[in-house]
PDB file of N, CA and C in Angstrom:
ATOM      1  N   MET A   1       0.390 -19.000  -6.930  1.00  0.00           N
ATOM      2  CA  MET A   1      -0.556 -18.568  -5.926  1.00  0.00           C
ATOM      3  C   MET A   1       0.136 -17.739  -4.855  1.00  0.00           C
ATOM      4  N   ASN A   2       1.351 -18.116  -4.442  1.00  0.00           N
ATOM      5  CA  ASN A   2       2.082 -17.352  -3.443  1.00  0.00           C
ATOM      6  C   ASN A   2       2.482 -15.986  -3.956  1.00  0.00           C
ATOM      7  N   ALA A   3       2.660 -15.864  -5.257  1.00  0.00           N
ATOM      8  CA  ALA A   3       3.071 -14.579  -5.817  1.00  0.00           C
ATOM      9  C   ALA A   3       1.993 -13.523  -5.630  1.00  0.00           C
ATOM     10  N   SER A   4       0.717 -13.918  -5.649  1.00  0.00           N
ATOM     11  CA  SER A   4      -0.350 -12.940  -5.474  1.00  0.00           C
ATOM     12  C   SER A   4      -0.532 -12.569  -4.011  1.00  0.00           C
ATOM     13  N   ILE A   5      -0.130 -13.426  -3.084  1.00  0.00           N
ATOM     14  CA  ILE A   5      -0.263 -13.140  -1.658  1.00  0.00           C
ATOM     15  C   ILE A   5       0.915 -12.319  -1.161  1.00  0.00           C
ATOM     16  N   SER A   6       2.050 -12.436  -1.787  1.00  0.00           N
ATOM     17  CA  SER A   6       3.252 -11.733  -1.356  1.00  0.00           C
ATOM     18  C   SER A   6       3.068 -10.217  -1.253  1.00  0.00           C
ATOM     19  N   PRO A   7       2.465  -9.532  -2.228  1.00  0.00           N
ATOM     20  CA  PRO A   7       2.265  -8.086  -2.069  1.00  0.00           C
ATOM     21  C   PRO A   7       1.350  -7.738  -0.896  1.00  0.00           C
ATOM     22  N   LEU A   8       0.366  -8.598  -0.623  1.00  0.00           N
ATOM     23  CA  LEU A   8      -0.519  -8.342   0.501  1.00  0.00           C
ATOM     24  C   LEU A   8       0.232  -8.468   1.821  1.00  0.00           C
ATOM     25  N   ASN A   9       1.103  -9.479   1.922  1.00  0.00           N
ATOM     26  CA  ASN A   9       1.911  -9.627   3.132  1.00  0.00           C
ATOM     27  C   ASN A   9       2.851  -8.449   3.298  1.00  0.00           C
ATOM     28  N   SER A  10       3.408  -7.985   2.206  1.00  0.00           N
ATOM     29  CA  SER A  10       4.301  -6.830   2.250  1.00  0.00           C
ATOM     30  C   SER A  10       3.552  -5.588   2.713  1.00  0.00           C
ATOM     31  N   ALA A  11       2.350  -5.380   2.196  1.00  0.00           N
ATOM     32  CA  ALA A  11       1.544  -4.222   2.608  1.00  0.00           C
ATOM     33  C   ALA A  11       1.167  -4.323   4.078  1.00  0.00           C
ATOM     34  N   LEU A  12       0.844  -5.542   4.532  1.00  0.00           N
ATOM     35  CA  LEU A  12       0.504  -5.736   5.940  1.00  0.00           C
ATOM     36  C   LEU A  12       1.690  -5.436   6.834  1.00  0.00           C
ATOM     37  N   GLN A  13       2.878  -5.879   6.453  1.00  0.00           N
ATOM     38  CA  GLN A  13       4.082  -5.596   7.236  1.00  0.00           C
ATOM     39  C   GLN A  13       4.373  -4.102   7.271  1.00  0.00           C
ATOM     40  N   GLN A  14       4.164  -3.398   6.153  1.00  0.00           N
ATOM     41  CA  GLN A  14       4.385  -1.956   6.130  1.00  0.00           C
ATOM     42  C   GLN A  14       3.403  -1.241   7.042  1.00  0.00           C
ATOM     43  N   LEU A  15       2.146  -1.672   7.027  1.00  0.00           N
ATOM     44  CA  LEU A  15       1.146  -1.058   7.892  1.00  0.00           C
ATOM     45  C   LEU A  15       1.473  -1.308   9.360  1.00  0.00           C
ATOM     46  N   GLN A  16       1.914  -2.524   9.691  1.00  0.00           N
ATOM     47  CA  GLN A  16       2.276  -2.826  11.072  1.00  0.00           C
ATOM     48  C   GLN A  16       3.478  -2.004  11.499  1.00  0.00           C
ATOM     49  N   SER A  17       4.427  -1.834  10.606  1.00  0.00           N
ATOM     50  CA  SER A  17       5.602  -1.023  10.913  1.00  0.00           C
ATOM     51  C   SER A  17       5.219   0.430  11.153  1.00  0.00           C
ATOM     52  N   MET A  18       4.329   0.966  10.304  1.00  0.00           N
ATOM     53  CA  MET A  18       3.878   2.349  10.476  1.00  0.00           C
ATOM     54  C   MET A  18       3.092   2.509  11.776  1.00  0.00           C
ATOM     55  N   ALA A  19       2.283   1.501  12.107  1.00  0.00           N
ATOM     56  CA  ALA A  19       1.515   1.574  13.349  1.00  0.00           C
ATOM     57  C   ALA A  19       2.440   1.557  14.553  1.00  0.00           C
ATOM     58  N   THR A  20       3.498   0.775  14.485  1.00  0.00           N
ATOM     59  CA  THR A  20       4.467   0.715  15.571  1.00  0.00           C
ATOM     60  C   THR A  20       5.166   2.055  15.727  1.00  0.00           C
ATOM     61  N   GLN A  21       5.555   2.655  14.611  1.00  0.00           N
ATOM     62  CA  GLN A  21       6.226   3.951  14.669  1.00  0.00           C
ATOM     63  C   GLN A  21       5.288   5.026  15.200  1.00  0.00           C
ATOM     64  N   ALA A  22       4.030   4.978  14.812  1.00  0.00           N
ATOM     65  CA  ALA A  22       3.069   5.968  15.277  1.00  0.00           C
ATOM     66  C   ALA A  22       2.751   5.783  16.758  1.00  0.00           C
ATOM     67  N   ALA A  23       2.904   4.561  17.272  1.00  0.00           N
ATOM     68  CA  ALA A  23       2.573   4.276  18.664  1.00  0.00           C
ATOM     69  C   ALA A  23       3.641   4.749  19.638  1.00  0.00           C
ATOM     70  N   GLY A  24       4.761   5.207  19.151  1.00  0.00           N
ATOM     71  CA  GLY A  24       5.731   5.746  20.094  1.00  0.00           C
ATOM     72  C   GLY A  24       7.168   5.413  19.808  1.00  0.00           C
ATOM     73  N   GLY A  25       7.501   5.024  18.654  1.00  0.00           N
ATOM     74  CA  GLY A  25       8.904   4.785  18.351  1.00  0.00           C
ATOM     75  C   GLY A  25       9.059   3.743  17.277  1.00  0.00           C
ATOM     76  N   ALA A  26      10.297   3.617  16.825  1.00  0.00           N
ATOM     77  CA  ALA A  26      10.592   2.648  15.779  1.00  0.00           C
ATOM     78  C   ALA A  26      10.637   1.269  16.392  1.00  0.00           C
ATOM     79  N   GLY A  27      10.299   0.281  15.624  1.00  0.00           N
ATOM     80  CA  GLY A  27      10.340  -1.087  16.114  1.00  0.00           C
ATOM     81  C   GLY A  27      10.240  -2.053  14.961  1.00  0.00           C
ATOM     82  N   ASN A  28      10.652  -3.269  15.220  1.00  0.00           N
ATOM     83  CA  ASN A  28      10.544  -4.316  14.229  1.00  0.00           C
ATOM     84  C   ASN A  28       9.341  -5.168  14.568  1.00  0.00           C
ATOM     85  N   VAL A  29       8.563  -5.508  13.571  1.00  0.00           N
ATOM     86  CA  VAL A  29       7.427  -6.379  13.778  1.00  0.00           C
ATOM     87  C   VAL A  29       7.849  -7.753  13.313  1.00  0.00           C
ATOM     88  N   ALA A  30       7.905  -8.688  14.251  1.00  0.00           N
ATOM     89  CA  ALA A  30       8.319 -10.045  13.925  1.00  0.00           C
ATOM     90  C   ALA A  30       7.301 -11.009  14.501  1.00  0.00           C
ATOM     91  N   GLY A  31       6.559 -11.669  13.639  1.00  0.00           N
ATOM     92  CA  GLY A  31       5.593 -12.645  14.092  1.00  0.00           C
ATOM     93  C   GLY A  31       4.474 -12.049  14.934  1.00  0.00           C
ATOM     94  N   GLY A  32       4.116 -10.815  14.679  1.00  0.00           N
ATOM     95  CA  GLY A  32       3.042 -10.183  15.408  1.00  0.00           C
ATOM     96  C   GLY A  32       3.484  -9.510  16.692  1.00  0.00           C
ATOM     97  N   SER A  33       4.746  -9.672  17.103  1.00  0.00           N
ATOM     98  CA  SER A  33       5.210  -9.009  18.313  1.00  0.00           C
ATOM     99  C   SER A  33       6.114  -7.854  17.933  1.00  0.00           C
ATOM    100  N   VAL A  34       6.130  -6.848  18.760  1.00  0.00           N
ATOM    101  CA  VAL A  34       6.893  -5.648  18.484  1.00  0.00           C
ATOM    102  C   VAL A  34       8.166  -5.681  19.309  1.00  0.00           C
ATOM    103  N   VAL A  35       9.306  -5.551  18.634  1.00  0.00           N
ATOM    104  CA  VAL A  35      10.587  -5.508  19.308  1.00  0.00           C
ATOM    105  C   VAL A  35      11.104  -4.088  19.195  1.00  0.00           C
ATOM    106  N   PRO A  36      11.128  -3.322  20.302  1.00  0.00           N
ATOM    107  CA  PRO A  36      11.550  -1.929  20.203  1.00  0.00           C
ATOM    108  C   PRO A  36      13.022  -1.802  19.867  1.00  0.00           C
ATOM    109  N   GLU A  37      13.337  -0.765  19.125  1.00  0.00           N
ATOM    110  CA  GLU A  37      14.719  -0.442  18.781  1.00  0.00           C
ATOM    111  C   GLU A  37      15.103   0.833  19.500  1.00  0.00           C
ATOM    112  N   SER A  38      16.392   1.055  19.631  1.00  0.00           N
ATOM    113  CA  SER A  38      16.824   2.310  20.232  1.00  0.00           C
ATOM    114  C   SER A  38      16.774   3.398  19.180  1.00  0.00           C
ATOM    115  N   GLY A  39      16.486   4.635  19.607  1.00  0.00           N
ATOM    116  CA  GLY A  39      16.423   5.762  18.686  1.00  0.00           C
ATOM    117  C   GLY A  39      15.005   6.050  18.269  1.00  0.00           C
ATOM    118  N   ALA A  40      14.800   7.239  17.755  1.00  0.00           N
ATOM    119  CA  ALA A  40      13.477   7.654  17.320  1.00  0.00           C
ATOM    120  C   ALA A  40      13.299   7.359  15.839  1.00  0.00           C
ATOM    121  N   ALA A  41      12.078   7.405  15.401  1.00  0.00           N
ATOM    122  CA  ALA A  41      11.776   7.201  13.983  1.00  0.00           C
ATOM    123  C   ALA A  41      12.365   8.350  13.178  1.00  0.00           C
ATOM    124  N   SER A  42      12.858   8.039  12.007  1.00  0.00           N
ATOM    125  CA  SER A  42      13.447   9.086  11.177  1.00  0.00           C
ATOM    126  C   SER A  42      12.357  10.020  10.673  1.00  0.00           C
ATOM    127  N   ALA A  43      12.710  11.277  10.543  1.00  0.00           N
ATOM    128  CA  ALA A  43      11.752  12.284  10.110  1.00  0.00           C
ATOM    129  C   ALA A  43      11.333  12.006   8.669  1.00  0.00           C
ATOM    130  N   GLY A  44      10.030  12.052   8.413  1.00  0.00           N
ATOM    131  CA  GLY A  44       9.531  11.860   7.063  1.00  0.00           C
ATOM    132  C   GLY A  44       9.362  10.413   6.658  1.00  0.00           C
ATOM    133  N   SER A  45       9.577   9.469   7.559  1.00  0.00           N
ATOM    134  CA  SER A  45       9.464   8.069   7.172  1.00  0.00           C
ATOM    135  C   SER A  45       8.034   7.706   6.803  1.00  0.00           C
ATOM    136  N   PHE A  46       7.048   8.286   7.502  1.00  0.00           N
ATOM    137  CA  PHE A  46       5.660   8.021   7.159  1.00  0.00           C
ATOM    138  C   PHE A  46       5.333   8.607   5.793  1.00  0.00           C
ATOM    139  N   ALA A  47       5.791   9.821   5.553  1.00  0.00           N
ATOM    140  CA  ALA A  47       5.547  10.460   4.260  1.00  0.00           C
ATOM    141  C   ALA A  47       6.209   9.669   3.133  1.00  0.00           C
ATOM    142  N   ASP A  48       7.410   9.171   3.381  1.00  0.00           N
ATOM    143  CA  ASP A  48       8.101   8.369   2.364  1.00  0.00           C
ATOM    144  C   ASP A  48       7.342   7.072   2.087  1.00  0.00           C
ATOM    145  N   ALA A  49       6.858   6.433   3.150  1.00  0.00           N
ATOM    146  CA  ALA A  49       6.107   5.191   2.970  1.00  0.00           C
ATOM    147  C   ALA A  49       4.801   5.447   2.231  1.00  0.00           C
ATOM    148  N   LEU A  50       4.144   6.541   2.552  1.00  0.00           N
ATOM    149  CA  LEU A  50       2.894   6.886   1.883  1.00  0.00           C
ATOM    150  C   LEU A  50       3.133   7.183   0.405  1.00  0.00           C
ATOM    151  N   LYS A  51       4.175   7.940   0.104  1.00  0.00           N
ATOM    152  CA  LYS A  51       4.507   8.248  -1.293  1.00  0.00           C
ATOM    153  C   LYS A  51       4.855   6.978  -2.060  1.00  0.00           C
ATOM    154  N   SER A  52       5.605   6.099  -1.417  1.00  0.00           N
ATOM    155  CA  SER A  52       5.970   4.837  -2.054  1.00  0.00           C
ATOM    156  C   SER A  52       4.729   4.006  -2.369  1.00  0.00           C
ATOM    157  N   SER A  53       3.787   3.954  -1.432  1.00  0.00           N
ATOM    158  CA  SER A  53       2.554   3.199  -1.648  1.00  0.00           C
ATOM    159  C   SER A  53       1.748   3.790  -2.797  1.00  0.00           C
ATOM    160  N   ILE A  54       1.656   5.103  -2.831  1.00  0.00           N
ATOM    161  CA  ILE A  54       0.914   5.756  -3.910  1.00  0.00           C
ATOM    162  C   ILE A  54       1.598   5.508  -5.252  1.00  0.00           C
ATOM    163  N   ASP A  55       2.924   5.549  -5.264  1.00  0.00           N
ATOM    164  CA  ASP A  55       3.656   5.261  -6.500  1.00  0.00           C
ATOM    165  C   ASP A  55       3.427   3.825  -6.957  1.00  0.00           C
ATOM    166  N   ASN A  56       3.369   2.887  -6.004  1.00  0.00           N
ATOM    167  CA  ASN A  56       3.110   1.487  -6.352  1.00  0.00           C
ATOM    168  C   ASN A  56       1.712   1.319  -6.943  1.00  0.00           C
ATOM    169  N   ILE A  57       0.725   1.997  -6.364  1.00  0.00           N
ATOM    170  CA  ILE A  57      -0.639   1.937  -6.886  1.00  0.00           C
ATOM    171  C   ILE A  57      -0.679   2.512  -8.297  1.00  0.00           C
ATOM    172  N   SER A  58      -0.027   3.641  -8.492  1.00  0.00           N
ATOM    173  CA  SER A  58       0.009   4.272  -9.810  1.00  0.00           C
ATOM    174  C   SER A  58       0.716   3.379 -10.831  1.00  0.00           C
ATOM    175  N   GLY A  59       1.815   2.783 -10.418  1.00  0.00           N
ATOM    176  CA  GLY A  59       2.548   1.889 -11.313  1.00  0.00           C
ATOM    177  C   GLY A  59       1.726   0.676 -11.719  1.00  0.00           C
ATOM    178  N   ALA A  60       0.983   0.112 -10.771  1.00  0.00           N
ATOM    179  CA  ALA A  60       0.132  -1.045 -11.082  1.00  0.00           C
ATOM    180  C   ALA A  60      -0.962  -0.659 -12.068  1.00  0.00           C
ATOM    181  N   GLN A  61      -1.529   0.538 -11.897  1.00  0.00           N
ATOM    182  CA  GLN A  61      -2.568   0.988 -12.821  1.00  0.00           C
ATOM    183  C   GLN A  61      -2.001   1.240 -14.214  1.00  0.00           C
ATOM    184  N   LYS A  62      -0.835   1.862 -14.282  1.00  0.00           N
ATOM    185  CA  LYS A  62      -0.222   2.117 -15.591  1.00  0.00           C
ATOM    186  C   LYS A  62       0.131   0.814 -16.290  1.00  0.00           C
ATOM    187  N   SER A  63       0.652  -0.134 -15.519  1.00  0.00           N
ATOM    188  CA  SER A  63       1.008  -1.431 -16.091  1.00  0.00           C
ATOM    189  C   SER A  63      -0.231  -2.153 -16.612  1.00  0.00           C
ATOM    190  N   ALA A  64      -1.309  -2.134 -15.838  1.00  0.00           N
ATOM    191  CA  ALA A  64      -2.542  -2.797 -16.263  1.00  0.00           C
ATOM    192  C   ALA A  64      -3.114  -2.134 -17.517  1.00  0.00           C
ATOM    193  N   MET A  65      -3.057  -0.809 -17.560  1.00  0.00           N
ATOM    194  CA  MET A  65      -3.578  -0.111 -18.733  1.00  0.00           C
ATOM    195  C   MET A  65      -2.737  -0.388 -19.974  1.00  0.00           C
ATOM    196  N   SER A  66      -1.424  -0.444 -19.806  1.00  0.00           N
ATOM    197  CA  SER A  66      -0.578  -0.732 -20.963  1.00  0.00           C
ATOM    198  C   SER A  66      -0.771  -2.164 -21.445  1.00  0.00           C
ATOM    199  N   GLU A  67      -0.991  -3.090 -20.508  1.00  0.00           N
ATOM    200  CA  GLU A  67      -1.250  -4.468 -20.912  1.00  0.00           C
ATOM    201  C   GLU A  67      -2.611  -4.575 -21.605  1.00  0.00           C
ATOM    202  N   ALA A  68      -3.602  -3.837 -21.121  1.00  0.00           N
ATOM    203  CA  ALA A  68      -4.916  -3.832 -21.770  1.00  0.00           C
ATOM    204  C   ALA A  68      -4.810  -3.252 -23.178  1.00  0.00           C
ATOM    205  N   HIS A  69      -4.022  -2.194 -23.317  1.00  0.00           N
ATOM    206  CA  HIS A  69      -3.831  -1.601 -24.650  1.00  0.00           C
ATOM    207  C   HIS A  69      -3.135  -2.595 -25.581  1.00  0.00           C
ATOM    208  N   ALA A  70      -2.133  -3.306 -25.055  1.00  0.00           N
ATOM    209  CA  ALA A  70      -1.435  -4.304 -25.877  1.00  0.00           C
ATOM    210  C   ALA A  70      -2.404  -5.398 -26.314  1.00  0.00           C
ATOM    211  N   PHE A  71      -3.300  -5.801 -25.435  1.00  0.00           N
ATOM    212  CA  PHE A  71      -4.292  -6.815 -25.807  1.00  0.00           C
ATOM    213  C   PHE A  71      -5.233  -6.289 -26.884  1.00  0.00           C
ATOM    214  N   GLU A  72      -5.630  -5.015 -26.743  1.00  0.00           N
ATOM    215  CA  GLU A  72      -6.552  -4.413 -27.711  1.00  0.00           C
ATOM    216  C   GLU A  72      -5.956  -4.345 -29.111  1.00  0.00           C
ATOM    217  N   ILE A  73      -4.660  -4.085 -29.191  1.00  0.00           N
ATOM    218  CA  ILE A  73      -4.050  -3.990 -30.526  1.00  0.00           C
ATOM    219  C   ILE A  73      -3.636  -5.354 -31.069  1.00  0.00           C
ATOM    220  N   GLY A  74      -3.840  -6.401 -30.253  1.00  0.00           N
ATOM    221  CA  GLY A  74      -3.618  -7.755 -30.750  1.00  0.00           C
ATOM    222  C   GLY A  74      -2.230  -8.310 -30.529  1.00  0.00           C
ATOM    223  N   ALA A  75      -1.548  -7.906 -29.485  1.00  0.00           N
ATOM    224  CA  ALA A  75      -0.228  -8.466 -29.187  1.00  0.00           C
ATOM    225  C   ALA A  75      -0.373  -9.962 -28.913  1.00  0.00           C
ATOM    226  N   PRO A  76       0.457 -10.782 -29.521  1.00  0.00           N
ATOM    227  CA  PRO A  76       0.284 -12.241 -29.401  1.00  0.00           C
ATOM    228  C   PRO A  76       0.643 -12.797 -28.014  1.00  0.00           C
ATOM    229  N   ASN A  77       1.452 -12.104 -27.244  1.00  0.00           N
ATOM    230  CA  ASN A  77       1.896 -12.650 -25.964  1.00  0.00           C
ATOM    231  C   ASN A  77       1.055 -12.176 -24.778  1.00  0.00           C
ATOM    232  N   VAL A  78      -0.068 -11.506 -25.019  1.00  0.00           N
ATOM    233  CA  VAL A  78      -0.919 -10.985 -23.956  1.00  0.00           C
ATOM    234  C   VAL A  78      -2.271 -11.690 -24.030  1.00  0.00           C
ATOM    235  N   SER A  79      -2.649 -12.342 -22.925  1.00  0.00           N
ATOM    236  CA  SER A  79      -3.931 -13.040 -22.902  1.00  0.00           C
ATOM    237  C   SER A  79      -4.960 -12.225 -22.118  1.00  0.00           C
ATOM    238  N   LEU A  80      -6.207 -12.495 -22.394  1.00  0.00           N
ATOM    239  CA  LEU A  80      -7.291 -11.801 -21.710  1.00  0.00           C
ATOM    240  C   LEU A  80      -7.268 -12.085 -20.210  1.00  0.00           C
ATOM    241  N   ASN A  81      -6.911 -13.308 -19.838  1.00  0.00           N
ATOM    242  CA  ASN A  81      -6.847 -13.656 -18.418  1.00  0.00           C
ATOM    243  C   ASN A  81      -5.843 -12.786 -17.682  1.00  0.00           C
ATOM    244  N   ASP A  82      -4.673 -12.595 -18.272  1.00  0.00           N
ATOM    245  CA  ASP A  82      -3.640 -11.773 -17.638  1.00  0.00           C
ATOM    246  C   ASP A  82      -4.103 -10.321 -17.510  1.00  0.00           C
ATOM    247  N   VAL A  83      -4.763  -9.833 -18.539  1.00  0.00           N
ATOM    248  CA  VAL A  83      -5.255  -8.455 -18.512  1.00  0.00           C
ATOM    249  C   VAL A  83      -6.277  -8.285 -17.398  1.00  0.00           C
ATOM    250  N   MET A  84      -7.211  -9.205 -17.308  1.00  0.00           N
ATOM    251  CA  MET A  84      -8.258  -9.099 -16.290  1.00  0.00           C
ATOM    252  C   MET A  84      -7.682  -9.208 -14.880  1.00  0.00           C
ATOM    253  N   VAL A  85      -6.732 -10.096 -14.666  1.00  0.00           N
ATOM    254  CA  VAL A  85      -6.123 -10.245 -13.342  1.00  0.00           C
ATOM    255  C   VAL A  85      -5.358  -8.981 -12.970  1.00  0.00           C
ATOM    256  N   ASP A  86      -4.598  -8.436 -13.903  1.00  0.00           N
ATOM    257  CA  ASP A  86      -3.842  -7.217 -13.613  1.00  0.00           C
ATOM    258  C   ASP A  86      -4.766  -6.023 -13.364  1.00  0.00           C
ATOM    259  N   MET A  87      -5.872  -5.947 -14.093  1.00  0.00           N
ATOM    260  CA  MET A  87      -6.825  -4.865 -13.860  1.00  0.00           C
ATOM    261  C   MET A  87      -7.458  -4.995 -12.473  1.00  0.00           C
ATOM    262  N   GLN A  88      -7.756  -6.227 -12.065  1.00  0.00           N
ATOM    263  CA  GLN A  88      -8.330  -6.433 -10.735  1.00  0.00           C
ATOM    264  C   GLN A  88      -7.313  -6.115  -9.633  1.00  0.00           C
ATOM    265  N   LYS A  89      -6.050  -6.480  -9.845  1.00  0.00           N
ATOM    266  CA  LYS A  89      -5.008  -6.144  -8.869  1.00  0.00           C
ATOM    267  C   LYS A  89      -4.882  -4.625  -8.719  1.00  0.00           C
ATOM    268  N   ALA A  90      -4.916  -3.927  -9.840  1.00  0.00           N
ATOM    269  CA  ALA A  90      -4.825  -2.467  -9.799  1.00  0.00           C
ATOM    270  C   ALA A  90      -6.041  -1.878  -9.094  1.00  0.00           C
ATOM    271  N   ASN A  91      -7.213  -2.437  -9.339  1.00  0.00           N
ATOM    272  CA  ASN A  91      -8.428  -1.958  -8.698  1.00  0.00           C
ATOM    273  C   ASN A  91      -8.391  -2.199  -7.186  1.00  0.00           C
ATOM    274  N   VAL A  92      -7.937  -3.370  -6.770  1.00  0.00           N
ATOM    275  CA  VAL A  92      -7.831  -3.666  -5.338  1.00  0.00           C
ATOM    276  C   VAL A  92      -6.828  -2.717  -4.686  1.00  0.00           C
ATOM    277  N   GLY A  93      -5.715  -2.456  -5.350  1.00  0.00           N
ATOM    278  CA  GLY A  93      -4.730  -1.513  -4.821  1.00  0.00           C
ATOM    279  C   GLY A  93      -5.310  -0.122  -4.668  1.00  0.00           C
ATOM    280  N   LEU A  94      -6.088   0.309  -5.654  1.00  0.00           N
ATOM    281  CA  LEU A  94      -6.714   1.623  -5.584  1.00  0.00           C
ATOM    282  C   LEU A  94      -7.724   1.690  -4.442  1.00  0.00           C
ATOM    283  N   GLN A  95      -8.548   0.652  -4.302  1.00  0.00           N
ATOM    284  CA  GLN A  95      -9.525   0.623  -3.220  1.00  0.00           C
ATOM    285  C   GLN A  95      -8.836   0.621  -1.853  1.00  0.00           C
ATOM    286  N   PHE A  96      -7.727  -0.100  -1.751  1.00  0.00           N
ATOM    287  CA  PHE A  96      -6.943  -0.122  -0.514  1.00  0.00           C
ATOM    288  C   PHE A  96      -6.412   1.282  -0.207  1.00  0.00           C
ATOM    289  N   GLY A  97      -5.888   1.950  -1.217  1.00  0.00           N
ATOM    290  CA  GLY A  97      -5.382   3.309  -1.037  1.00  0.00           C
ATOM    291  C   GLY A  97      -6.479   4.278  -0.617  1.00  0.00           C
ATOM    292  N   LEU A  98      -7.661   4.122  -1.205  1.00  0.00           N
ATOM    293  CA  LEU A  98      -8.785   4.983  -0.835  1.00  0.00           C
ATOM    294  C   LEU A  98      -9.214   4.757   0.618  1.00  0.00           C
ATOM    295  N   GLN A  99      -9.203   3.511   1.052  1.00  0.00           N
ATOM    296  CA  GLN A  99      -9.564   3.223   2.438  1.00  0.00           C
ATOM    297  C   GLN A  99      -8.534   3.787   3.412  1.00  0.00           C
ATOM    298  N   VAL A 100      -7.262   3.710   3.054  1.00  0.00           N
ATOM    299  CA  VAL A 100      -6.214   4.302   3.901  1.00  0.00           C
ATOM    300  C   VAL A 100      -6.409   5.807   3.967  1.00  0.00           C
ATOM    301  N   ARG A 101      -6.685   6.422   2.822  1.00  0.00           N
ATOM    302  CA  ARG A 101      -6.940   7.864   2.815  1.00  0.00           C
ATOM    303  C   ARG A 101      -8.130   8.228   3.682  1.00  0.00           C
ATOM    304  N   ASN A 102      -9.209   7.456   3.581  1.00  0.00           N
ATOM    305  CA  ASN A 102     -10.392   7.730   4.389  1.00  0.00           C
ATOM    306  C   ASN A 102     -10.095   7.623   5.874  1.00  0.00           C
ATOM    307  N   LYS A 103      -9.298   6.632   6.253  1.00  0.00           N
ATOM    308  CA  LYS A 103      -8.932   6.476   7.669  1.00  0.00           C
ATOM    309  C   LYS A 103      -8.050   7.632   8.133  1.00  0.00           C
ATOM    310  N   LEU A 104      -7.133   8.079   7.283  1.00  0.00           N
ATOM    311  CA  LEU A 104      -6.286   9.207   7.650  1.00  0.00           C
ATOM    312  C   LEU A 104      -7.097  10.486   7.817  1.00  0.00           C
ATOM    313  N   VAL A 105      -8.043  10.727   6.926  1.00  0.00           N
ATOM    314  CA  VAL A 105      -8.889  11.915   7.030  1.00  0.00           C
ATOM    315  C   VAL A 105      -9.757  11.833   8.282  1.00  0.00           C
ATOM    316  N   SER A 106     -10.274  10.661   8.573  1.00  0.00           N
ATOM    317  CA  SER A 106     -11.086  10.478   9.771  1.00  0.00           C
ATOM    318  C   SER A 106     -10.261  10.726  11.034  1.00  0.00           C
ATOM    319  N   ALA A 107      -9.035  10.207  11.059  1.00  0.00           N
ATOM    320  CA  ALA A 107      -8.165  10.429  12.218  1.00  0.00           C
ATOM    321  C   ALA A 107      -7.823  11.916  12.361  1.00  0.00           C
ATOM    322  N   TYR A 108      -7.579  12.585  11.254  1.00  0.00           N
ATOM    323  CA  TYR A 108      -7.285  14.020  11.288  1.00  0.00           C
ATOM    324  C   TYR A 108      -8.477  14.794  11.845  1.00  0.00           C
ATOM    325  N   ASN A 109      -9.676  14.457  11.379  1.00  0.00           N
ATOM    326  CA  ASN A 109     -10.885  15.134  11.874  1.00  0.00           C
ATOM    327  C   ASN A 109     -11.081  14.888  13.367  1.00  0.00           C
ATOM    328  N   ASP A 110     -10.821  13.658  13.815  1.00  0.00           N
ATOM    329  CA  ASP A 110     -10.956  13.344  15.239  1.00  0.00           C
ATOM    330  C   ASP A 110      -9.974  14.174  16.068  1.00  0.00           C
ATOM    331  N   ILE A 111      -8.759  14.299  15.575  1.00  0.00           N
ATOM    332  CA  ILE A 111      -7.745  15.088  16.297  1.00  0.00           C
ATOM    333  C   ILE A 111      -8.138  16.563  16.320  1.00  0.00           C
ATOM    334  N   MET A 112      -8.651  17.057  15.217  1.00  0.00           N
ATOM    335  CA  MET A 112      -9.029  18.474  15.153  1.00  0.00           C
ATOM    336  C   MET A 112     -10.235  18.774  16.045  1.00  0.00           C
ATOM    337  N   ASN A 113     -11.068  17.779  16.335  1.00  0.00           N
ATOM    338  CA  ASN A 113     -12.245  17.987  17.167  1.00  0.00           C
ATOM    339  C   ASN A 113     -11.959  17.848  18.660  1.00  0.00           C
ATOM    340  N   ILE A 114     -10.735  17.506  19.028  1.00  0.00           N
ATOM    341  CA  ILE A 114     -10.379  17.405  20.449  1.00  0.00           C
ATOM    342  C   ILE A 114     -10.300  18.808  21.025  1.00  0.00           C
ATOM    343  N   SER A 115     -11.021  19.010  22.129  1.00  0.00           N
ATOM    344  CA  SER A 115     -10.961  20.336  22.763  1.00  0.00           C
ATOM    345  C   SER A 115      -9.705  20.426  23.612  1.00  0.00           C
ATOM    346  N   VAL A 116      -9.076  21.579  23.555  1.00  0.00           N
ATOM    347  CA  VAL A 116      -7.816  21.787  24.272  1.00  0.00           C
ATOM    348  C   VAL A 116      -8.056  22.514  25.572  1.00  0.00           C
TER     349      VAL A 116
END
């Protein structure tokens, strides 16, 4: 049960870290509190985190599809339960990615609509 919650906690920590960096500098998120660090955020860290997240979503989908294919051809070590759980994990990851994209597009539109 903890294994399925671990990726969610990891994603939450990454989002909190990105929010801290976007708020004005690098920082460590520990127990919900932000501890500022000296120095600025490294260039491209948001882009790297975004690419990593997209790669993880893609990897989960490829893994789920390959497991589904293995089940279809009758591999003895693949059960229907595992296939369904992995497909749902991939779907949740995709939906999460879509929501992040929607929020980013909305934030971009809000910034572009600010009068100078």
